[in-house]
PDB file of N, CA and C in Angstrom:
ATOM      1  N   MET A   1      -4.253   4.503  -6.164  1.00  0.00           N
ATOM      2  CA  MET A   1      -5.230   3.722  -5.396  1.00  0.00           C
ATOM      3  C   MET A   1      -6.169   3.041  -6.325  1.00  0.00           C
ATOM      4  N   ALA A   2      -6.459   3.859  -7.361  1.00  0.00           N
ATOM      5  CA  ALA A   2      -7.519   3.131  -8.379  1.00  0.00           C
ATOM      6  C   ALA A   2      -6.989   1.819  -8.911  1.00  0.00           C
ATOM      7  N   ASN A   3      -5.731   1.780  -9.308  1.00  0.00           N
ATOM      8  CA  ASN A   3      -5.283   0.443  -9.714  1.00  0.00           C
ATOM      9  C   ASN A   3      -5.330  -0.521  -8.671  1.00  0.00           C
ATOM     10  N   SER A   4      -4.920  -0.096  -7.419  1.00  0.00           N
ATOM     11  CA  SER A   4      -4.945  -1.139  -6.395  1.00  0.00           C
ATOM     12  C   SER A   4      -6.276  -1.613  -6.097  1.00  0.00           C
ATOM     13  N   CYS A   5      -7.279  -0.703  -6.141  1.00  0.00           N
ATOM     14  CA  CYS A   5      -8.757  -1.148  -6.039  1.00  0.00           C
ATOM     15  C   CYS A   5      -9.227  -2.047  -7.111  1.00  0.00           C
ATOM     16  N   ARG A   6      -8.795  -1.702  -8.253  1.00  0.00           N
ATOM     17  CA  ARG A   6      -9.163  -2.600  -9.462  1.00  0.00           C
ATOM     18  C   ARG A   6      -8.537  -3.975  -9.163  1.00  0.00           C
ATOM     19  N   ASN A   7      -7.324  -3.940  -8.851  1.00  0.00           N
ATOM     20  CA  ASN A   7      -6.539  -5.270  -8.610  1.00  0.00           C
ATOM     21  C   ASN A   7      -7.378  -6.057  -7.525  1.00  0.00           C
ATOM     22  N   CYS A   8      -7.764  -5.445  -6.461  1.00  0.00           N
ATOM     23  CA  CYS A   8      -8.423  -5.993  -5.350  1.00  0.00           C
ATOM     24  C   CYS A   8      -9.733  -6.587  -5.733  1.00  0.00           C
ATOM     25  N   GLN A   9     -10.518  -5.752  -6.679  1.00  0.00           N
ATOM     26  CA  GLN A   9     -11.936  -6.095  -7.136  1.00  0.00           C
ATOM     27  C   GLN A   9     -11.649  -7.332  -7.947  1.00  0.00           C
ATOM     28  N   TYR A  10     -10.568  -7.450  -8.807  1.00  0.00           N
ATOM     29  CA  TYR A  10     -10.366  -8.597  -9.577  1.00  0.00           C
ATOM     30  C   TYR A  10     -10.064  -9.771  -8.764  1.00  0.00           C
ATOM     31  N   LEU A  11      -9.171  -9.785  -7.770  1.00  0.00           N
ATOM     32  CA  LEU A  11      -8.839 -10.842  -6.852  1.00  0.00           C
ATOM     33  C   LEU A  11     -10.191 -11.271  -6.192  1.00  0.00           C
ATOM     34  N   SER A  12     -11.064 -10.352  -5.746  1.00  0.00           N
ATOM     35  CA  SER A  12     -12.343 -10.697  -5.099  1.00  0.00           C
ATOM     36  C   SER A  12     -13.189 -11.424  -6.064  1.00  0.00           C
ATOM     37  N   ARG A  13     -13.330 -11.005  -7.269  1.00  0.00           N
ATOM     38  CA  ARG A  13     -14.318 -11.461  -8.241  1.00  0.00           C
ATOM     39  C   ARG A  13     -13.826 -12.930  -8.660  1.00  0.00           C
ATOM     40  N   THR A  14     -12.627 -12.992  -8.771  1.00  0.00           N
ATOM     41  CA  THR A  14     -11.996 -14.378  -9.281  1.00  0.00           C
ATOM     42  C   THR A  14     -11.698 -15.344  -7.987  1.00  0.00           C
ATOM     43  N   ASN A  15     -11.828 -14.805  -6.881  1.00  0.00           N
ATOM     44  CA  ASN A  15     -11.540 -15.486  -5.652  1.00  0.00           C
ATOM     45  C   ASN A  15     -10.249 -16.157  -5.735  1.00  0.00           C
ATOM     46  N   GLN A  16      -9.285 -15.357  -6.349  1.00  0.00           N
ATOM     47  CA  GLN A  16      -7.940 -15.698  -6.438  1.00  0.00           C
ATOM     48  C   GLN A  16      -7.082 -15.311  -5.247  1.00  0.00           C
ATOM     49  N   LEU A  17      -6.212 -16.216  -4.743  1.00  0.00           N
ATOM     50  CA  LEU A  17      -5.311 -15.950  -3.708  1.00  0.00           C
ATOM     51  C   LEU A  17      -4.099 -15.269  -4.186  1.00  0.00           C
ATOM     52  N   VAL A  18      -3.438 -14.514  -3.279  1.00  0.00           N
ATOM     53  CA  VAL A  18      -2.243 -13.882  -3.791  1.00  0.00           C
ATOM     54  C   VAL A  18      -1.283 -13.729  -2.553  1.00  0.00           C
ATOM     55  N   THR A  19       0.057 -13.927  -2.784  1.00  0.00           N
ATOM     56  CA  THR A  19       0.905 -13.746  -1.565  1.00  0.00           C
ATOM     57  C   THR A  19       1.261 -12.204  -1.590  1.00  0.00           C
ATOM     58  N   ARG A  20       1.747 -12.064  -0.107  1.00  0.00           N
ATOM     59  CA  ARG A  20       2.069 -10.638   0.103  1.00  0.00           C
ATOM     60  C   ARG A  20       3.125 -10.105  -0.754  1.00  0.00           C
ATOM     61  N   VAL A  21       4.206 -10.997  -1.121  1.00  0.00           N
ATOM     62  CA  VAL A  21       5.241 -10.513  -2.079  1.00  0.00           C
ATOM     63  C   VAL A  21       4.641 -10.102  -3.382  1.00  0.00           C
ATOM     64  N   GLN A  22       3.593 -10.992  -3.849  1.00  0.00           N
ATOM     65  CA  GLN A  22       3.127 -10.536  -5.275  1.00  0.00           C
ATOM     66  C   GLN A  22       2.403  -9.271  -5.176  1.00  0.00           C
ATOM     67  N   LEU A  23       1.778  -8.873  -4.033  1.00  0.00           N
ATOM     68  CA  LEU A  23       1.065  -7.558  -3.966  1.00  0.00           C
ATOM     69  C   LEU A  23       2.184  -6.516  -3.931  1.00  0.00           C
ATOM     70  N   LEU A  24       3.167  -6.712  -3.126  1.00  0.00           N
ATOM     71  CA  LEU A  24       4.174  -5.778  -3.040  1.00  0.00           C
ATOM     72  C   LEU A  24       4.994  -5.469  -4.356  1.00  0.00           C
ATOM     73  N   GLU A  25       5.174  -6.410  -5.149  1.00  0.00           N
ATOM     74  CA  GLU A  25       5.799  -6.369  -6.414  1.00  0.00           C
ATOM     75  C   GLU A  25       4.822  -5.690  -7.447  1.00  0.00           C
ATOM     76  N   LYS A  26       3.559  -6.158  -7.407  1.00  0.00           N
ATOM     77  CA  LYS A  26       2.593  -5.615  -8.487  1.00  0.00           C
ATOM     78  C   LYS A  26       2.312  -4.191  -8.174  1.00  0.00           C
ATOM     79  N   ILE A  27       2.269  -3.685  -6.852  1.00  0.00           N
ATOM     80  CA  ILE A  27       1.986  -2.158  -6.636  1.00  0.00           C
ATOM     81  C   ILE A  27       3.173  -1.513  -6.556  1.00  0.00           C
ATOM     82  N   GLY A  28       4.339  -2.185  -6.184  1.00  0.00           N
ATOM     83  CA  GLY A  28       5.657  -1.498  -5.999  1.00  0.00           C
ATOM     84  C   GLY A  28       5.808  -0.639  -4.768  1.00  0.00           C
ATOM     85  N   ILE A  29       5.340  -1.263  -3.617  1.00  0.00           N
ATOM     86  CA  ILE A  29       5.469  -0.530  -2.315  1.00  0.00           C
ATOM     87  C   ILE A  29       6.050  -1.435  -1.268  1.00  0.00           C
ATOM     88  N   SER A  30       6.325  -0.901  -0.073  1.00  0.00           N
ATOM     89  CA  SER A  30       7.001  -1.589   0.984  1.00  0.00           C
ATOM     90  C   SER A  30       5.832  -2.286   1.771  1.00  0.00           C
ATOM     91  N   ASP A  31       6.387  -3.102   2.709  1.00  0.00           N
ATOM     92  CA  ASP A  31       5.523  -3.849   3.655  1.00  0.00           C
ATOM     93  C   ASP A  31       4.636  -2.869   4.436  1.00  0.00           C
ATOM     94  N   GLN A  32       5.296  -1.863   5.051  1.00  0.00           N
ATOM     95  CA  GLN A  32       4.724  -0.803   5.928  1.00  0.00           C
ATOM     96  C   GLN A  32       3.485  -0.140   5.035  1.00  0.00           C
ATOM     97  N   THR A  33       3.804   0.219   3.883  1.00  0.00           N
ATOM     98  CA  THR A  33       2.708   0.960   3.091  1.00  0.00           C
ATOM     99  C   THR A  33       1.651  -0.089   2.650  1.00  0.00           C
ATOM    100  N   LEU A  34       2.012  -1.353   2.475  1.00  0.00           N
ATOM    101  CA  LEU A  34       1.000  -2.372   2.277  1.00  0.00           C
ATOM    102  C   LEU A  34      -0.093  -2.466   3.380  1.00  0.00           C
ATOM    103  N   LEU A  35       0.501  -2.473   4.584  1.00  0.00           N
ATOM    104  CA  LEU A  35      -0.401  -2.462   5.836  1.00  0.00           C
ATOM    105  C   LEU A  35      -1.333  -1.398   5.887  1.00  0.00           C
ATOM    106  N   VAL A  36      -0.836  -0.109   5.557  1.00  0.00           N
ATOM    107  CA  VAL A  36      -1.748   1.072   5.422  1.00  0.00           C
ATOM    108  C   VAL A  36      -2.794   0.830   4.364  1.00  0.00           C
ATOM    109  N   GLY A  37      -2.374   0.429   3.225  1.00  0.00           N
ATOM    110  CA  GLY A  37      -3.269   0.033   2.185  1.00  0.00           C
ATOM    111  C   GLY A  37      -4.413  -0.971   2.488  1.00  0.00           C
ATOM    112  N   ILE A  38      -3.980  -2.004   3.170  1.00  0.00           N
ATOM    113  CA  ILE A  38      -5.005  -3.023   3.721  1.00  0.00           C
ATOM    114  C   ILE A  38      -6.022  -2.382   4.708  1.00  0.00           C
ATOM    115  N   LYS A  39      -5.482  -1.544   5.454  1.00  0.00           N
ATOM    116  CA  LYS A  39      -6.385  -0.826   6.529  1.00  0.00           C
ATOM    117  C   LYS A  39      -7.385   0.022   5.721  1.00  0.00           C
ATOM    118  N   ALA A  40      -6.897   0.646   4.548  1.00  0.00           N
ATOM    119  CA  ALA A  40      -7.762   1.512   3.733  1.00  0.00           C
ATOM    120  C   ALA A  40      -8.757   0.597   3.024  1.00  0.00           C
ATOM    121  N   LEU A  41      -8.443  -0.527   2.476  1.00  0.00           N
ATOM    122  CA  LEU A  41      -9.394  -1.429   1.848  1.00  0.00           C
ATOM    123  C   LEU A  41     -10.398  -1.915   2.665  1.00  0.00           C
ATOM    124  N   LYS A  42     -10.156  -2.260   3.966  1.00  0.00           N
ATOM    125  CA  LYS A  42     -11.082  -2.633   4.924  1.00  0.00           C
ATOM    126  C   LYS A  42     -12.275  -1.689   5.056  1.00  0.00           C
ATOM    127  N   TYR A  43     -11.877  -0.375   5.066  1.00  0.00           N
ATOM    128  CA  TYR A  43     -12.878   0.689   5.166  1.00  0.00           C
ATOM    129  C   TYR A  43     -13.678   0.884   3.890  1.00  0.00           C
ATOM    130  N   LEU A  44     -13.044   0.460   2.782  1.00  0.00           N
ATOM    131  CA  LEU A  44     -13.871   0.446   1.530  1.00  0.00           C
ATOM    132  C   LEU A  44     -14.744  -0.820   1.331  1.00  0.00           C
ATOM    133  N   GLY A  45     -14.810  -1.675   2.328  1.00  0.00           N
ATOM    134  CA  GLY A  45     -15.621  -2.761   2.168  1.00  0.00           C
ATOM    135  C   GLY A  45     -14.995  -4.064   1.818  1.00  0.00           C
ATOM    136  N   PHE A  46     -13.599  -4.129   1.733  1.00  0.00           N
ATOM    137  CA  PHE A  46     -12.875  -5.289   1.422  1.00  0.00           C
ATOM    138  C   PHE A  46     -12.498  -6.063   2.642  1.00  0.00           C
ATOM    139  N   THR A  47     -12.520  -7.406   2.603  1.00  0.00           N
ATOM    140  CA  THR A  47     -11.974  -8.146   3.703  1.00  0.00           C
ATOM    141  C   THR A  47     -10.754  -8.793   3.208  1.00  0.00           C
ATOM    142  N   VAL A  48      -9.682  -8.706   4.036  1.00  0.00           N
ATOM    143  CA  VAL A  48      -8.479  -9.402   3.630  1.00  0.00           C
ATOM    144  C   VAL A  48      -8.161 -10.484   4.772  1.00  0.00           C
ATOM    145  N   LYS A  49      -8.154 -11.741   4.336  1.00  0.00           N
ATOM    146  CA  LYS A  49      -8.064 -12.800   5.173  1.00  0.00           C
ATOM    147  C   LYS A  49      -6.631 -13.540   4.710  1.00  0.00           C
ATOM    148  N   ARG A  50      -6.005 -14.064   5.821  1.00  0.00           N
ATOM    149  CA  ARG A  50      -4.683 -14.676   5.531  1.00  0.00           C
ATOM    150  C   ARG A  50      -4.905 -16.245   5.609  1.00  0.00           C
ATOM    151  N   GLN A  51      -4.513 -16.901   4.619  1.00  0.00           N
ATOM    152  CA  GLN A  51      -4.530 -18.386   4.461  1.00  0.00           C
ATOM    153  C   GLN A  51      -3.133 -18.904   4.118  1.00  0.00           C
ATOM    154  N   ASP A  52      -2.463 -19.504   5.108  1.00  0.00           N
ATOM    155  CA  ASP A  52      -1.088 -19.825   4.980  1.00  0.00           C
ATOM    156  C   ASP A  52      -0.261 -18.785   4.659  1.00  0.00           C
ATOM    157  N   ARG A  53       0.322 -18.881   3.335  1.00  0.00           N
ATOM    158  CA  ARG A  53       1.212 -17.736   2.841  1.00  0.00           C
ATOM    159  C   ARG A  53       0.476 -16.949   2.104  1.00  0.00           C
ATOM    160  N   TYR A  54      -0.801 -16.995   1.873  1.00  0.00           N
ATOM    161  CA  TYR A  54      -1.634 -16.353   0.912  1.00  0.00           C
ATOM    162  C   TYR A  54      -2.609 -15.329   1.547  1.00  0.00           C
ATOM    163  N   LEU A  55      -3.068 -14.380   0.789  1.00  0.00           N
ATOM    164  CA  LEU A  55      -4.083 -13.356   1.207  1.00  0.00           C
ATOM    165  C   LEU A  55      -5.232 -13.727   0.315  1.00  0.00           C
ATOM    166  N   GLN A  56      -6.463 -13.571   0.930  1.00  0.00           N
ATOM    167  CA  GLN A  56      -7.713 -13.688   0.110  1.00  0.00           C
ATOM    168  C   GLN A  56      -8.479 -12.392   0.331  1.00  0.00           C
ATOM    169  N   ILE A  57      -8.655 -11.674  -0.750  1.00  0.00           N
ATOM    170  CA  ILE A  57      -9.331 -10.413  -0.750  1.00  0.00           C
ATOM    171  C   ILE A  57     -10.750 -10.599  -1.263  1.00  0.00           C
ATOM    172  N   THR A  58     -11.721 -10.263  -0.454  1.00  0.00           N
ATOM    173  CA  THR A  58     -13.126 -10.254  -0.866  1.00  0.00           C
ATOM    174  C   THR A  58     -13.745  -8.902  -0.643  1.00  0.00           C
ATOM    175  N   TRP A  59     -14.702  -8.612  -1.333  1.00  0.00           N
ATOM    176  CA  TRP A  59     -15.462  -7.300  -1.362  1.00  0.00           C
ATOM    177  C   TRP A  59     -16.851  -7.492  -0.750  1.00  0.00           C
ATOM    178  N   ASN A  60     -17.197  -6.681   0.182  1.00  0.00           N
ATOM    179  CA  ASN A  60     -18.491  -6.665   0.741  1.00  0.00           C
ATOM    180  C   ASN A  60     -19.010  -5.201   0.821  1.00  0.00           C
ATOM    181  N   PRO A  61     -19.570  -4.787  -0.324  1.00  0.00           N
ATOM    182  CA  PRO A  61     -19.923  -3.346  -0.468  1.00  0.00           C
ATOM    183  C   PRO A  61     -20.795  -2.770   0.701  1.00  0.00           C
ATOM    184  N   SER A  62     -21.582  -3.707   1.385  1.00  0.00           N
ATOM    185  CA  SER A  62     -22.289  -3.017   2.438  1.00  0.00           C
ATOM    186  C   SER A  62     -21.524  -2.679   3.636  1.00  0.00           C
ATOM    187  N   ASP A  63     -20.317  -3.254   3.772  1.00  0.00           N
ATOM    188  CA  ASP A  63     -19.337  -3.008   4.876  1.00  0.00           C
ATOM    189  C   ASP A  63     -18.589  -1.758   4.727  1.00  0.00           C
ATOM    190  N   SER A  64     -18.861  -1.030   3.636  1.00  0.00           N
ATOM    191  CA  SER A  64     -17.993   0.259   3.327  1.00  0.00           C
ATOM    192  C   SER A  64     -18.495   1.354   4.450  1.00  0.00           C
ATOM    193  N   ALA A  65     -17.396   2.005   4.901  1.00  0.00           N
ATOM    194  CA  ALA A  65     -17.686   3.254   5.737  1.00  0.00           C
ATOM    195  C   ALA A  65     -16.981   4.464   5.162  1.00  0.00           C
ATOM    196  N   GLU A  66     -17.715   5.003   4.199  1.00  0.00           N
ATOM    197  CA  GLU A  66     -17.168   6.046   3.344  1.00  0.00           C
ATOM    198  C   GLU A  66     -16.284   7.113   4.021  1.00  0.00           C
ATOM    199  N   ASN A  67     -16.762   7.857   5.045  1.00  0.00           N
ATOM    200  CA  ASN A  67     -16.069   8.904   5.662  1.00  0.00           C
ATOM    201  C   ASN A  67     -14.739   8.487   6.217  1.00  0.00           C
ATOM    202  N   VAL A  68     -14.761   7.337   6.895  1.00  0.00           N
ATOM    203  CA  VAL A  68     -13.436   6.781   7.362  1.00  0.00           C
ATOM    204  C   VAL A  68     -12.501   6.302   6.257  1.00  0.00           C
ATOM    205  N   ALA A  69     -13.146   5.783   5.136  1.00  0.00           N
ATOM    206  CA  ALA A  69     -12.628   5.253   3.964  1.00  0.00           C
ATOM    207  C   ALA A  69     -11.734   6.301   3.335  1.00  0.00           C
ATOM    208  N   GLU A  70     -12.265   7.453   3.109  1.00  0.00           N
ATOM    209  CA  GLU A  70     -11.703   8.610   2.470  1.00  0.00           C
ATOM    210  C   GLU A  70     -10.288   9.000   3.239  1.00  0.00           C
ATOM    211  N   ALA A  71     -10.453   8.992   4.578  1.00  0.00           N
ATOM    212  CA  ALA A  71      -9.289   9.353   5.389  1.00  0.00           C
ATOM    213  C   ALA A  71      -8.329   8.307   5.303  1.00  0.00           C
ATOM    214  N   ALA A  72      -8.595   7.033   5.218  1.00  0.00           N
ATOM    215  CA  ALA A  72      -7.691   5.956   5.231  1.00  0.00           C
ATOM    216  C   ALA A  72      -6.960   5.888   3.677  1.00  0.00           C
ATOM    217  N   VAL A  73      -7.844   6.211   2.793  1.00  0.00           N
ATOM    218  CA  VAL A  73      -7.268   6.121   1.483  1.00  0.00           C
ATOM    219  C   VAL A  73      -6.191   7.239   1.257  1.00  0.00           C
ATOM    220  N   ALA A  74      -6.594   8.482   1.956  1.00  0.00           N
ATOM    221  CA  ALA A  74      -5.672   9.654   1.765  1.00  0.00           C
ATOM    222  C   ALA A  74      -4.418   9.315   2.434  1.00  0.00           C
ATOM    223  N   GLN A  75      -4.546   8.604   3.657  1.00  0.00           N
ATOM    224  CA  GLN A  75      -3.213   8.182   4.343  1.00  0.00           C
ATOM    225  C   GLN A  75      -2.461   7.188   3.528  1.00  0.00           C
ATOM    226  N   PHE A  76      -3.053   6.285   2.900  1.00  0.00           N
ATOM    227  CA  PHE A  76      -2.389   5.297   2.039  1.00  0.00           C
ATOM    228  C   PHE A  76      -1.607   5.985   0.934  1.00  0.00           C
ATOM    229  N   LEU A  77      -2.350   6.986   0.211  1.00  0.00           N
ATOM    230  CA  LEU A  77      -1.853   7.696  -0.865  1.00  0.00           C
ATOM    231  C   LEU A  77      -0.670   8.456  -0.437  1.00  0.00           C
ATOM    232  N   ALA A  78      -0.782   9.124   0.703  1.00  0.00           N
ATOM    233  CA  ALA A  78       0.409   9.864   1.237  1.00  0.00           C
ATOM    234  C   ALA A  78       1.577   9.057   1.510  1.00  0.00           C
ATOM    235  N   ALA A  79       1.390   7.820   2.099  1.00  0.00           N
ATOM    236  CA  ALA A  79       2.403   6.907   2.330  1.00  0.00           C
ATOM    237  C   ALA A  79       3.129   6.487   1.056  1.00  0.00           C
ATOM    238  N   VAL A  80       2.384   6.232  -0.051  1.00  0.00           N
ATOM    239  CA  VAL A  80       2.846   5.716  -1.309  1.00  0.00           C
ATOM    240  C   VAL A  80       3.639   6.895  -1.926  1.00  0.00           C
ATOM    241  N   ARG A  81       3.202   8.228  -1.811  1.00  0.00           N
ATOM    242  CA  ARG A  81       3.856   9.327  -2.445  1.00  0.00           C
ATOM    243  C   ARG A  81       5.163   9.532  -1.668  1.00  0.00           C
ATOM    244  N   GLU A  82       5.169   9.285  -0.298  1.00  0.00           N
ATOM    245  CA  GLU A  82       6.381   9.577   0.483  1.00  0.00           C
ATOM    246  C   GLU A  82       7.423   8.619   0.138  1.00  0.00           C
ATOM    247  N   GLU A  83       6.934   7.179  -0.037  1.00  0.00           N
ATOM    248  CA  GLU A  83       7.839   6.179  -0.429  1.00  0.00           C
ATOM    249  C   GLU A  83       8.431   6.334  -1.737  1.00  0.00           C
ATOM    250  N   GLN A  84       7.707   6.853  -2.706  1.00  0.00           N
ATOM    251  CA  GLN A  84       8.117   7.012  -4.060  1.00  0.00           C
ATOM    252  C   GLN A  84       9.162   8.209  -4.044  1.00  0.00           C
ATOM    253  N   PHE A  85       8.867   9.293  -3.286  1.00  0.00           N
ATOM    254  CA  PHE A  85       9.775  10.334  -3.228  1.00  0.00           C
ATOM    255  C   PHE A  85      11.140   9.922  -2.686  1.00  0.00           C
ATOM    256  N   GLN A  86      11.078   9.174  -1.613  1.00  0.00           N
ATOM    257  CA  GLN A  86      12.331   8.645  -0.927  1.00  0.00           C
ATOM    258  C   GLN A  86      13.085   7.770  -1.930  1.00  0.00           C
ATOM    259  N   GLN A  87      12.458   6.877  -2.693  1.00  0.00           N
ATOM    260  CA  GLN A  87      13.139   6.092  -3.573  1.00  0.00           C
ATOM    261  C   GLN A  87      13.734   7.015  -4.647  1.00  0.00           C
ATOM    262  N   GLN A  88      13.116   7.899  -5.188  1.00  0.00           N
ATOM    263  CA  GLN A  88      13.609   8.852  -6.257  1.00  0.00           C
ATOM    264  C   GLN A  88      14.739   9.521  -5.726  1.00  0.00           C
ATOM    265  N   TYR A  89      14.599  10.240  -4.514  1.00  0.00           N
ATOM    266  CA  TYR A  89      15.622  11.085  -3.942  1.00  0.00           C
ATOM    267  C   TYR A  89      16.952  10.333  -3.740  1.00  0.00           C
ATOM    268  N   PHE A  90      16.887   9.179  -3.030  1.00  0.00           N
ATOM    269  CA  PHE A  90      18.042   8.374  -2.809  1.00  0.00           C
ATOM    270  C   PHE A  90      18.623   7.877  -4.056  1.00  0.00           C
ATOM    271  N   ALA A  91      17.921   7.818  -5.176  1.00  0.00           N
ATOM    272  CA  ALA A  91      18.418   7.149  -6.409  1.00  0.00           C
ATOM    273  C   ALA A  91      19.123   8.302  -7.056  1.00  0.00           C
ATOM    274  N   GLU A  92      18.743   9.570  -6.878  1.00  0.00           N
ATOM    275  CA  GLU A  92      19.239  10.715  -7.758  1.00  0.00           C
ATOM    276  C   GLU A  92      20.295  11.633  -6.901  1.00  0.00           C
ATOM    277  N   VAL A  93      20.360  11.627  -5.632  1.00  0.00           N
ATOM    278  CA  VAL A  93      21.156  12.550  -4.796  1.00  0.00           C
ATOM    279  C   VAL A  93      22.394  11.809  -4.612  1.00  0.00           C
ATOM    280  N   PRO A  94      23.550  12.415  -4.812  1.00  0.00           N
ATOM    281  CA  PRO A  94      24.824  11.865  -4.736  1.00  0.00           C
ATOM    282  C   PRO A  94      25.121  11.447  -3.328  1.00  0.00           C
ATOM    283  N   LEU A  95      25.874  10.328  -3.116  1.00  0.00           N
ATOM    284  CA  LEU A  95      26.085   9.771  -1.794  1.00  0.00           C
ATOM    285  C   LEU A  95      26.871  10.751  -0.956  1.00  0.00           C
ATOM    286  N   SER A  96      27.726  11.529  -1.668  1.00  0.00           N
ATOM    287  CA  SER A  96      28.517  12.503  -0.775  1.00  0.00           C
ATOM    288  C   SER A  96      27.686  13.676  -0.185  1.00  0.00           C
ATOM    289  N   THR A  97      26.517  14.039  -0.764  1.00  0.00           N
ATOM    290  CA  THR A  97      25.607  15.029  -0.207  1.00  0.00           C
ATOM    291  C   THR A  97      24.880  14.332   1.038  1.00  0.00           C
ATOM    292  N   ILE A  98      24.515  13.043   0.807  1.00  0.00           N
ATOM    293  CA  ILE A  98      23.805  12.415   1.954  1.00  0.00           C
ATOM    294  C   ILE A  98      24.707  12.318   3.221  1.00  0.00           C
ATOM    295  N   VAL A  99      25.990  11.919   2.805  1.00  0.00           N
ATOM    296  CA  VAL A  99      26.935  11.762   3.939  1.00  0.00           C
ATOM    297  C   VAL A  99      27.259  13.071   4.605  1.00  0.00           C
ATOM    298  N   ALA A 100      27.400  14.268   3.825  1.00  0.00           N
ATOM    299  CA  ALA A 100      27.630  15.529   4.359  1.00  0.00           C
ATOM    300  C   ALA A 100      26.346  15.927   5.249  1.00  0.00           C
ATOM    301  N   ILE A 101      25.182  15.667   4.846  1.00  0.00           N
ATOM    302  CA  ILE A 101      24.032  16.050   5.652  1.00  0.00           C
ATOM    303  C   ILE A 101      23.949  15.230   6.931  1.00  0.00           C
ATOM    304  N   ALA A 102      24.318  13.997   6.872  1.00  0.00           N
ATOM    305  CA  ALA A 102      24.254  13.029   7.909  1.00  0.00           C
ATOM    306  C   ALA A 102      25.316  13.380   9.153  1.00  0.00           C
ATOM    307  N   VAL A 103      26.491  14.067   8.613  1.00  0.00           N
ATOM    308  CA  VAL A 103      27.482  14.337   9.717  1.00  0.00           C
ATOM    309  C   VAL A 103      27.281  15.683  10.226  1.00  0.00           C
ATOM    310  N   LEU A 104      26.333  16.594   9.831  1.00  0.00           N
ATOM    311  CA  LEU A 104      26.204  17.923  10.327  1.00  0.00           C
ATOM    312  C   LEU A 104      25.888  17.817  11.774  1.00  0.00           C
ATOM    313  N   PRO A 105      26.408  18.798  12.613  1.00  0.00           N
ATOM    314  CA  PRO A 105      25.965  18.820  13.983  1.00  0.00           C
ATOM    315  C   PRO A 105      24.537  19.147  14.168  1.00  0.00           C
ATOM    316  N   VAL A 106      23.863  18.573  15.172  1.00  0.00           N
ATOM    317  CA  VAL A 106      22.475  18.800  15.535  1.00  0.00           C
ATOM    318  C   VAL A 106      22.428  19.990  16.321  1.00  0.00           C
TER     319      VAL A 106
END
């Protein structure tokens, strides 16, 4: 999250617009996890506005709600860890093992 916050602070400071795809590639996460991250950023005082295909991220430190922000950040970090685990797991586990688990009776 620290790198993500630094990236957002940079985008805010430079008033630079960024596409959703650019954010996804830079951070290395999925759309669903990005939405969780945007929610967390809002609680940290960032405003994310959509302009056509671009996102504009601005920082308003007075808008920060720290208690809620901590929970939102924790949720985002958990989503990132889960996504990274799944990417690693499915990259390393043999397909035959995944198929064997999938066909087990419930």
